[in-house]
Amino acid sequence: MVKFDELPVEIQEKMLEEQVNQGNKRDPEVFRKAICASQTGFTWNMTCLGDDWGEILLYKNYTPFYNLYPKNYYPRIMEVSNTPDFTDKIIRVVIAHKSNKYISWSCAETFKEAEKEFCTTIWNYAREPQKEVCLTFKDISDGKGKGVDPSLIRIVDK
């Protein structure tokens, strides 16, 4: 069984949030004394994670938590677009994901450029930058590059 202070900070915060949501005082000491406290902590089944809290707190299996609450680390360099097929994609420094939208610095493609930027733009879609694949004509004739988005293929001599 895990100790409260050994949990990742985001899980500790979610436990304290659930504690308050269920009408209790925010008090990490409750969980330090009894990690599975329901009386003055919170009742698992009254949360989105339900019984998965058992996996998290008893077996240190954090996967159910991160499946429901994925880690979002920002800022980061991403391809952004307003179309789902990314036909109008450009590179930007994305600073947040909020309300199903991505917020980027308007004209910054690098962290250095972002230092001077103060205007933001909102995008519908963002993804990790797609890597260009370099292939020779021989590679292509040998069947390499199958399934690769053609826009990512660059033909090289050798």
N, C-alpha and C. Protein backbone atom coordinates (compact mmCIF):
# COMPACT_ATOMS: atom_id res chain seq x y z
N MET A 1 0.85 -1.18 0.00
CA MET A 1 0.00 0.00 0.00
C MET A 1 0.89 1.24 0.00
N VAL A 2 0.53 2.19 -0.83
CA VAL A 2 1.31 3.40 -0.99
C VAL A 2 1.03 4.39 0.15
N LYS A 3 2.02 5.22 0.44
CA LYS A 3 1.84 6.30 1.40
C LYS A 3 1.46 7.57 0.63
N PHE A 4 0.65 8.40 1.26
CA PHE A 4 0.15 9.61 0.61
C PHE A 4 1.27 10.45 0.02
N ASP A 5 2.34 10.68 0.78
CA ASP A 5 3.43 11.55 0.32
C ASP A 5 4.27 10.92 -0.78
N GLU A 6 4.09 9.61 -1.04
CA GLU A 6 4.81 8.94 -2.12
C GLU A 6 4.04 9.02 -3.44
N LEU A 7 2.78 9.40 -3.38
CA LEU A 7 1.96 9.51 -4.59
C LEU A 7 2.42 10.67 -5.45
N PRO A 8 2.26 10.57 -6.78
CA PRO A 8 2.52 11.74 -7.63
C PRO A 8 1.65 12.91 -7.18
N VAL A 9 2.16 14.11 -7.29
CA VAL A 9 1.47 15.31 -6.80
C VAL A 9 0.07 15.44 -7.39
N GLU A 10 -0.09 15.11 -8.68
CA GLU A 10 -1.40 15.27 -9.30
C GLU A 10 -2.44 14.32 -8.69
N ILE A 11 -2.00 13.15 -8.23
CA ILE A 11 -2.92 12.21 -7.58
C ILE A 11 -3.25 12.72 -6.17
N GLN A 12 -2.25 13.23 -5.46
CA GLN A 12 -2.51 13.83 -4.14
C GLN A 12 -3.55 14.95 -4.28
N GLU A 13 -3.36 15.81 -5.28
CA GLU A 13 -4.28 16.94 -5.48
C GLU A 13 -5.69 16.46 -5.80
N LYS A 14 -5.80 15.42 -6.63
CA LYS A 14 -7.12 14.89 -6.98
C LYS A 14 -7.80 14.30 -5.74
N MET A 15 -7.05 13.64 -4.87
CA MET A 15 -7.62 13.10 -3.64
C MET A 15 -8.15 14.22 -2.75
N LEU A 16 -7.38 15.29 -2.62
CA LEU A 16 -7.80 16.42 -1.80
C LEU A 16 -9.01 17.12 -2.42
N GLU A 17 -9.05 17.19 -3.75
CA GLU A 17 -10.19 17.78 -4.44
C GLU A 17 -11.45 16.95 -4.19
N GLU A 18 -11.32 15.62 -4.28
CA GLU A 18 -12.47 14.74 -4.03
C GLU A 18 -12.93 14.84 -2.57
N GLN A 19 -11.98 14.99 -1.67
CA GLN A 19 -12.29 15.15 -0.25
C GLN A 19 -13.21 16.37 -0.06
N VAL A 20 -12.86 17.48 -0.67
CA VAL A 20 -13.64 18.71 -0.56
C VAL A 20 -14.97 18.56 -1.30
N ASN A 21 -14.95 17.95 -2.50
CA ASN A 21 -16.17 17.75 -3.27
C ASN A 21 -17.22 16.96 -2.49
N GLN A 22 -16.77 16.11 -1.58
CA GLN A 22 -17.71 15.29 -0.81
C GLN A 22 -18.02 15.91 0.56
N GLY A 23 -17.72 17.19 0.69
CA GLY A 23 -18.15 17.93 1.88
C GLY A 23 -17.21 17.87 3.07
N ASN A 24 -16.01 17.38 2.87
CA ASN A 24 -15.03 17.34 3.96
C ASN A 24 -14.04 18.47 3.84
N LYS A 25 -13.36 18.75 4.94
CA LYS A 25 -12.32 19.78 4.95
C LYS A 25 -11.09 19.26 4.21
N ARG A 26 -10.45 20.11 3.44
CA ARG A 26 -9.20 19.73 2.76
C ARG A 26 -8.14 19.48 3.82
N ASP A 27 -7.72 18.22 3.93
CA ASP A 27 -6.79 17.86 5.00
C ASP A 27 -5.94 16.65 4.59
N PRO A 28 -4.73 16.88 4.12
CA PRO A 28 -3.87 15.76 3.73
C PRO A 28 -3.51 14.83 4.90
N GLU A 29 -3.58 15.33 6.12
CA GLU A 29 -3.26 14.49 7.29
C GLU A 29 -4.19 13.28 7.38
N VAL A 30 -5.43 13.46 6.92
CA VAL A 30 -6.39 12.34 6.92
C VAL A 30 -5.81 11.18 6.12
N PHE A 31 -5.24 11.46 4.96
CA PHE A 31 -4.69 10.42 4.08
C PHE A 31 -3.32 9.94 4.55
N ARG A 32 -2.61 10.78 5.27
CA ARG A 32 -1.32 10.34 5.83
C ARG A 32 -1.55 9.30 6.93
N LYS A 33 -2.65 9.46 7.65
CA LYS A 33 -2.99 8.50 8.71
C LYS A 33 -3.60 7.24 8.14
N ALA A 34 -4.50 7.38 7.17
CA ALA A 34 -5.18 6.23 6.56
C ALA A 34 -5.43 6.54 5.09
N ILE A 35 -4.59 5.97 4.21
CA ILE A 35 -4.65 6.31 2.79
C ILE A 35 -6.02 6.06 2.17
N CYS A 36 -6.76 5.08 2.68
CA CYS A 36 -8.07 4.74 2.11
C CYS A 36 -9.22 5.34 2.91
N ALA A 37 -8.96 6.40 3.66
CA ALA A 37 -9.98 7.01 4.52
C ALA A 37 -11.21 7.41 3.72
N SER A 38 -12.38 6.95 4.18
CA SER A 38 -13.61 7.35 3.50
C SER A 38 -14.46 8.26 4.38
N GLN A 39 -14.31 8.12 5.70
CA GLN A 39 -15.12 8.90 6.65
C GLN A 39 -14.85 10.41 6.49
N THR A 40 -13.59 10.79 6.58
CA THR A 40 -13.23 12.21 6.45
C THR A 40 -12.39 12.47 5.20
N GLY A 41 -12.21 11.41 4.40
CA GLY A 41 -11.50 11.53 3.12
C GLY A 41 -12.52 11.66 2.02
N PHE A 42 -12.72 10.56 1.27
CA PHE A 42 -13.77 10.53 0.25
C PHE A 42 -14.14 9.09 -0.06
N THR A 43 -15.34 8.91 -0.59
CA THR A 43 -15.84 7.59 -0.97
C THR A 43 -15.52 7.36 -2.44
N TRP A 44 -14.75 6.31 -2.72
CA TRP A 44 -14.28 6.03 -4.07
C TRP A 44 -15.41 6.00 -5.09
N ASN A 45 -16.48 5.29 -4.77
CA ASN A 45 -17.56 5.08 -5.73
C ASN A 45 -18.30 6.36 -6.09
N MET A 46 -18.06 7.42 -5.38
CA MET A 46 -18.71 8.69 -5.69
C MET A 46 -17.81 9.58 -6.56
N THR A 47 -16.78 8.98 -7.16
CA THR A 47 -15.86 9.72 -8.02
C THR A 47 -15.84 9.08 -9.41
N CYS A 48 -15.25 9.77 -10.36
CA CYS A 48 -15.13 9.23 -11.73
C CYS A 48 -14.26 7.98 -11.77
N LEU A 49 -13.28 7.89 -10.91
CA LEU A 49 -12.39 6.72 -10.90
C LEU A 49 -13.02 5.51 -10.22
N GLY A 50 -13.98 5.72 -9.36
CA GLY A 50 -14.66 4.61 -8.70
C GLY A 50 -13.68 3.66 -8.02
N ASP A 51 -13.86 2.36 -8.25
CA ASP A 51 -13.02 1.34 -7.61
C ASP A 51 -11.58 1.33 -8.09
N ASP A 52 -11.28 2.07 -9.16
CA ASP A 52 -9.89 2.16 -9.62
C ASP A 52 -8.99 2.81 -8.57
N TRP A 53 -9.59 3.52 -7.62
CA TRP A 53 -8.78 4.08 -6.53
C TRP A 53 -8.07 2.95 -5.78
N GLY A 54 -8.70 1.78 -5.70
CA GLY A 54 -8.06 0.63 -5.06
C GLY A 54 -6.78 0.24 -5.77
N GLU A 55 -6.83 0.21 -7.11
CA GLU A 55 -5.63 -0.10 -7.90
C GLU A 55 -4.53 0.92 -7.62
N ILE A 56 -4.93 2.18 -7.54
CA ILE A 56 -3.97 3.27 -7.35
C ILE A 56 -3.36 3.23 -5.95
N LEU A 57 -4.21 3.16 -4.94
CA LEU A 57 -3.74 3.30 -3.56
C LEU A 57 -3.23 2.00 -2.95
N LEU A 58 -3.77 0.86 -3.35
CA LEU A 58 -3.35 -0.41 -2.77
C LEU A 58 -2.21 -1.06 -3.54
N TYR A 59 -2.21 -0.88 -4.87
CA TYR A 59 -1.25 -1.59 -5.71
C TYR A 59 -0.29 -0.68 -6.48
N LYS A 60 -0.37 0.62 -6.24
CA LYS A 60 0.50 1.60 -6.91
C LYS A 60 0.40 1.52 -8.44
N ASN A 61 -0.78 1.16 -8.93
CA ASN A 61 -1.03 1.12 -10.37
C ASN A 61 -1.68 2.45 -10.76
N TYR A 62 -0.90 3.36 -11.32
CA TYR A 62 -1.38 4.70 -11.63
C TYR A 62 -2.02 4.81 -13.00
N THR A 63 -1.99 3.73 -13.77
CA THR A 63 -2.53 3.75 -15.13
C THR A 63 -3.98 4.22 -15.20
N PRO A 64 -4.90 3.71 -14.36
CA PRO A 64 -6.29 4.20 -14.45
C PRO A 64 -6.40 5.71 -14.25
N PHE A 65 -5.58 6.25 -13.36
CA PHE A 65 -5.62 7.70 -13.11
C PHE A 65 -5.19 8.46 -14.37
N TYR A 66 -4.04 8.06 -14.95
CA TYR A 66 -3.52 8.80 -16.10
C TYR A 66 -4.33 8.54 -17.37
N ASN A 67 -5.06 7.44 -17.42
CA ASN A 67 -5.98 7.23 -18.55
C ASN A 67 -7.12 8.24 -18.48
N LEU A 68 -7.59 8.53 -17.29
CA LEU A 68 -8.70 9.48 -17.11
C LEU A 68 -8.21 10.93 -17.06
N TYR A 69 -7.05 11.13 -16.47
CA TYR A 69 -6.47 12.48 -16.31
C TYR A 69 -5.05 12.48 -16.88
N PRO A 70 -4.91 12.50 -18.21
CA PRO A 70 -3.56 12.45 -18.79
C PRO A 70 -2.72 13.66 -18.40
N LYS A 71 -1.42 13.40 -18.29
CA LYS A 71 -0.48 14.49 -17.99
C LYS A 71 -0.38 15.39 -19.22
N ASN A 72 -0.52 16.65 -19.00
CA ASN A 72 -0.33 17.62 -20.07
C ASN A 72 0.83 18.52 -19.68
N TYR A 73 1.87 18.46 -20.44
CA TYR A 73 3.02 19.29 -20.13
C TYR A 73 3.18 20.35 -21.22
N TYR A 74 3.18 21.55 -20.78
CA TYR A 74 3.29 22.70 -21.68
C TYR A 74 4.25 23.69 -21.07
N PRO A 75 4.91 24.52 -21.84
CA PRO A 75 4.82 24.67 -23.29
C PRO A 75 5.57 23.54 -24.00
N ARG A 76 5.15 23.30 -25.26
CA ARG A 76 5.86 22.36 -26.11
C ARG A 76 5.60 22.71 -27.57
N ILE A 77 6.51 22.29 -28.41
CA ILE A 77 6.42 22.58 -29.84
C ILE A 77 5.55 21.51 -30.49
N MET A 78 4.50 21.97 -31.20
CA MET A 78 3.55 21.05 -31.80
C MET A 78 3.11 21.54 -33.18
N GLU A 79 2.57 20.62 -33.96
CA GLU A 79 1.88 21.00 -35.19
C GLU A 79 0.47 21.39 -34.76
N VAL A 80 -0.03 22.51 -35.24
CA VAL A 80 -1.39 22.96 -34.91
C VAL A 80 -2.17 23.15 -36.20
N SER A 81 -3.50 23.03 -36.07
CA SER A 81 -4.35 23.13 -37.25
C SER A 81 -5.79 23.41 -36.81
N ASN A 82 -6.57 23.92 -37.72
CA ASN A 82 -8.00 24.05 -37.47
C ASN A 82 -8.80 23.01 -38.23
N THR A 83 -8.11 22.11 -38.95
CA THR A 83 -8.77 21.02 -39.65
C THR A 83 -8.26 19.69 -39.11
N PRO A 84 -9.15 18.70 -38.98
CA PRO A 84 -8.73 17.43 -38.38
C PRO A 84 -7.70 16.66 -39.20
N ASP A 85 -7.62 16.91 -40.51
CA ASP A 85 -6.62 16.21 -41.34
C ASP A 85 -5.28 16.95 -41.40
N PHE A 86 -5.18 18.08 -40.70
CA PHE A 86 -3.94 18.86 -40.59
C PHE A 86 -3.45 19.37 -41.95
N THR A 87 -4.36 19.60 -42.91
CA THR A 87 -3.93 20.11 -44.22
C THR A 87 -3.37 21.53 -44.11
N ASP A 88 -3.79 22.27 -43.08
CA ASP A 88 -3.30 23.64 -42.90
C ASP A 88 -2.32 23.75 -41.73
N LYS A 89 -1.60 22.67 -41.44
CA LYS A 89 -0.75 22.62 -40.25
C LYS A 89 0.41 23.60 -40.31
N ILE A 90 0.76 24.11 -39.14
CA ILE A 90 1.97 24.91 -38.95
C ILE A 90 2.55 24.54 -37.59
N ILE A 91 3.79 24.88 -37.39
CA ILE A 91 4.47 24.62 -36.12
C ILE A 91 4.30 25.83 -35.22
N ARG A 92 3.94 25.60 -33.95
CA ARG A 92 3.81 26.67 -32.97
C ARG A 92 4.20 26.14 -31.59
N VAL A 93 4.54 27.07 -30.71
CA VAL A 93 4.76 26.73 -29.31
C VAL A 93 3.40 26.77 -28.62
N VAL A 94 2.91 25.58 -28.24
CA VAL A 94 1.61 25.47 -27.59
C VAL A 94 1.82 25.63 -26.09
N ILE A 95 1.02 26.49 -25.49
CA ILE A 95 1.20 26.79 -24.06
C ILE A 95 0.12 26.19 -23.18
N ALA A 96 -0.99 25.72 -23.78
CA ALA A 96 -2.06 25.14 -22.95
C ALA A 96 -3.06 24.38 -23.80
N HIS A 97 -3.77 23.48 -23.14
CA HIS A 97 -4.91 22.77 -23.73
C HIS A 97 -6.06 22.99 -22.77
N LYS A 98 -7.07 23.72 -23.24
CA LYS A 98 -8.18 24.09 -22.37
C LYS A 98 -9.48 24.09 -23.16
N SER A 99 -10.53 23.53 -22.57
CA SER A 99 -11.85 23.48 -23.20
C SER A 99 -11.78 22.90 -24.61
N ASN A 100 -10.99 21.85 -24.77
CA ASN A 100 -10.83 21.16 -26.05
C ASN A 100 -10.20 22.02 -27.14
N LYS A 101 -9.51 23.06 -26.77
CA LYS A 101 -8.79 23.92 -27.72
C LYS A 101 -7.33 23.98 -27.29
N TYR A 102 -6.47 24.31 -28.24
CA TYR A 102 -5.05 24.46 -27.97
C TYR A 102 -4.68 25.93 -28.10
N ILE A 103 -3.93 26.43 -27.15
CA ILE A 103 -3.53 27.83 -27.15
C ILE A 103 -2.04 27.89 -27.42
N SER A 104 -1.68 28.67 -28.43
CA SER A 104 -0.26 28.79 -28.77
C SER A 104 0.13 30.25 -28.81
N TRP A 105 1.45 30.47 -28.75
CA TRP A 105 1.95 31.81 -29.05
C TRP A 105 1.71 32.02 -30.52
N SER A 106 1.22 33.19 -30.92
CA SER A 106 0.76 33.43 -32.29
C SER A 106 1.81 33.18 -33.37
N CYS A 107 3.02 33.63 -33.18
CA CYS A 107 4.02 33.52 -34.25
C CYS A 107 5.28 32.77 -33.84
N ALA A 108 5.27 32.12 -32.70
CA ALA A 108 6.49 31.47 -32.22
C ALA A 108 6.55 30.00 -32.63
N GLU A 109 7.63 29.66 -33.36
CA GLU A 109 7.88 28.26 -33.74
C GLU A 109 8.92 27.62 -32.83
N THR A 110 9.65 28.43 -32.08
CA THR A 110 10.69 27.92 -31.18
C THR A 110 10.51 28.54 -29.80
N PHE A 111 11.15 27.93 -28.81
CA PHE A 111 11.07 28.48 -27.46
C PHE A 111 11.74 29.85 -27.40
N LYS A 112 12.80 30.04 -28.19
CA LYS A 112 13.49 31.33 -28.22
C LYS A 112 12.55 32.42 -28.74
N GLU A 113 11.83 32.13 -29.81
CA GLU A 113 10.86 33.10 -30.34
C GLU A 113 9.74 33.35 -29.35
N ALA A 114 9.35 32.32 -28.60
CA ALA A 114 8.26 32.45 -27.63
C ALA A 114 8.59 33.44 -26.52
N GLU A 115 9.88 33.61 -26.22
CA GLU A 115 10.28 34.53 -25.16
C GLU A 115 9.86 35.97 -25.47
N LYS A 116 9.75 36.30 -26.76
CA LYS A 116 9.42 37.67 -27.17
C LYS A 116 7.95 37.84 -27.54
N GLU A 117 7.19 36.76 -27.56
CA GLU A 117 5.81 36.78 -28.03
C GLU A 117 4.85 37.08 -26.88
N PHE A 118 3.78 37.81 -27.18
CA PHE A 118 2.76 38.06 -26.15
C PHE A 118 1.34 37.87 -26.67
N CYS A 119 1.18 37.65 -27.98
CA CYS A 119 -0.15 37.39 -28.55
C CYS A 119 -0.36 35.88 -28.67
N THR A 120 -1.61 35.44 -28.47
CA THR A 120 -1.90 34.02 -28.57
C THR A 120 -2.93 33.75 -29.67
N THR A 121 -2.97 32.49 -30.10
CA THR A 121 -3.93 32.02 -31.09
C THR A 121 -4.53 30.72 -30.57
N ILE A 122 -5.81 30.51 -30.87
CA ILE A 122 -6.50 29.30 -30.45
C ILE A 122 -6.66 28.37 -31.65
N TRP A 123 -6.38 27.07 -31.44
CA TRP A 123 -6.44 26.07 -32.50
C TRP A 123 -7.38 24.95 -32.08
N ASN A 124 -7.98 24.30 -33.08
CA ASN A 124 -8.86 23.16 -32.81
C ASN A 124 -8.10 21.86 -32.60
N TYR A 125 -6.93 21.73 -33.24
CA TYR A 125 -6.18 20.47 -33.20
C TYR A 125 -4.69 20.74 -32.99
N ALA A 126 -4.05 19.79 -32.33
CA ALA A 126 -2.59 19.85 -32.16
C ALA A 126 -2.08 18.43 -32.05
N ARG A 127 -0.87 18.22 -32.51
CA ARG A 127 -0.24 16.90 -32.41
C ARG A 127 1.27 17.09 -32.37
N GLU A 128 1.95 16.02 -32.00
CA GLU A 128 3.41 16.05 -32.02
C GLU A 128 3.85 16.25 -33.48
N PRO A 129 4.93 17.00 -33.70
CA PRO A 129 5.39 17.21 -35.08
C PRO A 129 5.69 15.87 -35.76
N GLN A 130 5.21 15.74 -36.98
CA GLN A 130 5.44 14.52 -37.75
C GLN A 130 6.86 14.56 -38.31
N LYS A 131 7.55 13.45 -38.23
CA LYS A 131 8.93 13.37 -38.69
C LYS A 131 8.97 13.06 -40.19
N GLU A 132 9.81 13.78 -40.89
CA GLU A 132 10.01 13.54 -42.31
C GLU A 132 10.76 12.23 -42.49
N VAL A 133 10.38 11.44 -43.50
CA VAL A 133 11.04 10.16 -43.79
C VAL A 133 11.82 10.33 -45.08
N CYS A 134 13.12 10.08 -45.01
CA CYS A 134 13.98 10.19 -46.19
C CYS A 134 14.13 8.80 -46.83
N LEU A 135 13.76 8.69 -48.12
CA LEU A 135 13.84 7.43 -48.83
C LEU A 135 14.52 7.64 -50.18
N THR A 136 15.25 6.62 -50.61
CA THR A 136 15.80 6.63 -51.97
C THR A 136 14.79 5.95 -52.88
N PHE A 137 14.98 6.08 -54.21
CA PHE A 137 14.09 5.37 -55.14
C PHE A 137 14.21 3.86 -54.93
N LYS A 138 15.41 3.40 -54.58
CA LYS A 138 15.61 1.97 -54.31
C LYS A 138 14.79 1.56 -53.08
N ASP A 139 14.82 2.39 -52.03
CA ASP A 139 14.01 2.09 -50.83
C ASP A 139 12.54 1.91 -51.22
N ILE A 140 12.06 2.81 -52.06
CA ILE A 140 10.65 2.77 -52.46
C ILE A 140 10.36 1.52 -53.27
N SER A 141 11.27 1.17 -54.20
CA SER A 141 11.06 -0.03 -55.01
C SER A 141 11.16 -1.29 -54.16
N ASP A 142 11.88 -1.22 -53.06
CA ASP A 142 11.98 -2.37 -52.13
C ASP A 142 10.79 -2.43 -51.18
N GLY A 143 9.86 -1.46 -51.32
CA GLY A 143 8.65 -1.50 -50.49
C GLY A 143 8.75 -0.73 -49.18
N LYS A 144 9.85 -0.04 -48.98
CA LYS A 144 9.98 0.75 -47.75
C LYS A 144 9.10 1.99 -47.84
N GLY A 145 8.63 2.45 -46.70
CA GLY A 145 7.81 3.65 -46.66
C GLY A 145 6.33 3.37 -46.80
N LYS A 146 5.95 2.08 -46.84
CA LYS A 146 4.52 1.75 -46.91
C LYS A 146 3.81 2.27 -45.69
N GLY A 147 2.66 2.89 -45.89
CA GLY A 147 1.86 3.40 -44.78
C GLY A 147 2.28 4.77 -44.28
N VAL A 148 3.37 5.30 -44.84
CA VAL A 148 3.84 6.63 -44.43
C VAL A 148 3.05 7.68 -45.21
N ASP A 149 2.60 8.70 -44.52
CA ASP A 149 1.90 9.81 -45.16
C ASP A 149 2.80 10.37 -46.27
N PRO A 150 2.33 10.38 -47.53
CA PRO A 150 3.17 10.86 -48.63
C PRO A 150 3.73 12.26 -48.42
N SER A 151 3.02 13.10 -47.69
CA SER A 151 3.52 14.46 -47.46
C SER A 151 4.75 14.46 -46.56
N LEU A 152 5.03 13.33 -45.89
CA LEU A 152 6.19 13.26 -45.00
C LEU A 152 7.41 12.61 -45.67
N ILE A 153 7.24 12.14 -46.89
CA ILE A 153 8.34 11.46 -47.60
C ILE A 153 9.17 12.47 -48.37
N ARG A 154 10.49 12.37 -48.16
CA ARG A 154 11.42 13.20 -48.94
C ARG A 154 12.33 12.25 -49.70
N ILE A 155 12.42 12.42 -51.00
CA ILE A 155 13.26 11.58 -51.83
C ILE A 155 14.69 12.11 -51.78
N VAL A 156 15.62 11.20 -51.50
CA VAL A 156 17.05 11.57 -51.47
C VAL A 156 17.80 10.71 -52.48
N ASP A 157 18.95 11.19 -52.94
CA ASP A 157 19.72 10.46 -53.94
C ASP A 157 20.31 9.18 -53.39
N LYS A 158 20.98 9.24 -52.28
CA LYS A 158 21.60 8.05 -51.71
C LYS A 158 21.55 8.05 -50.25
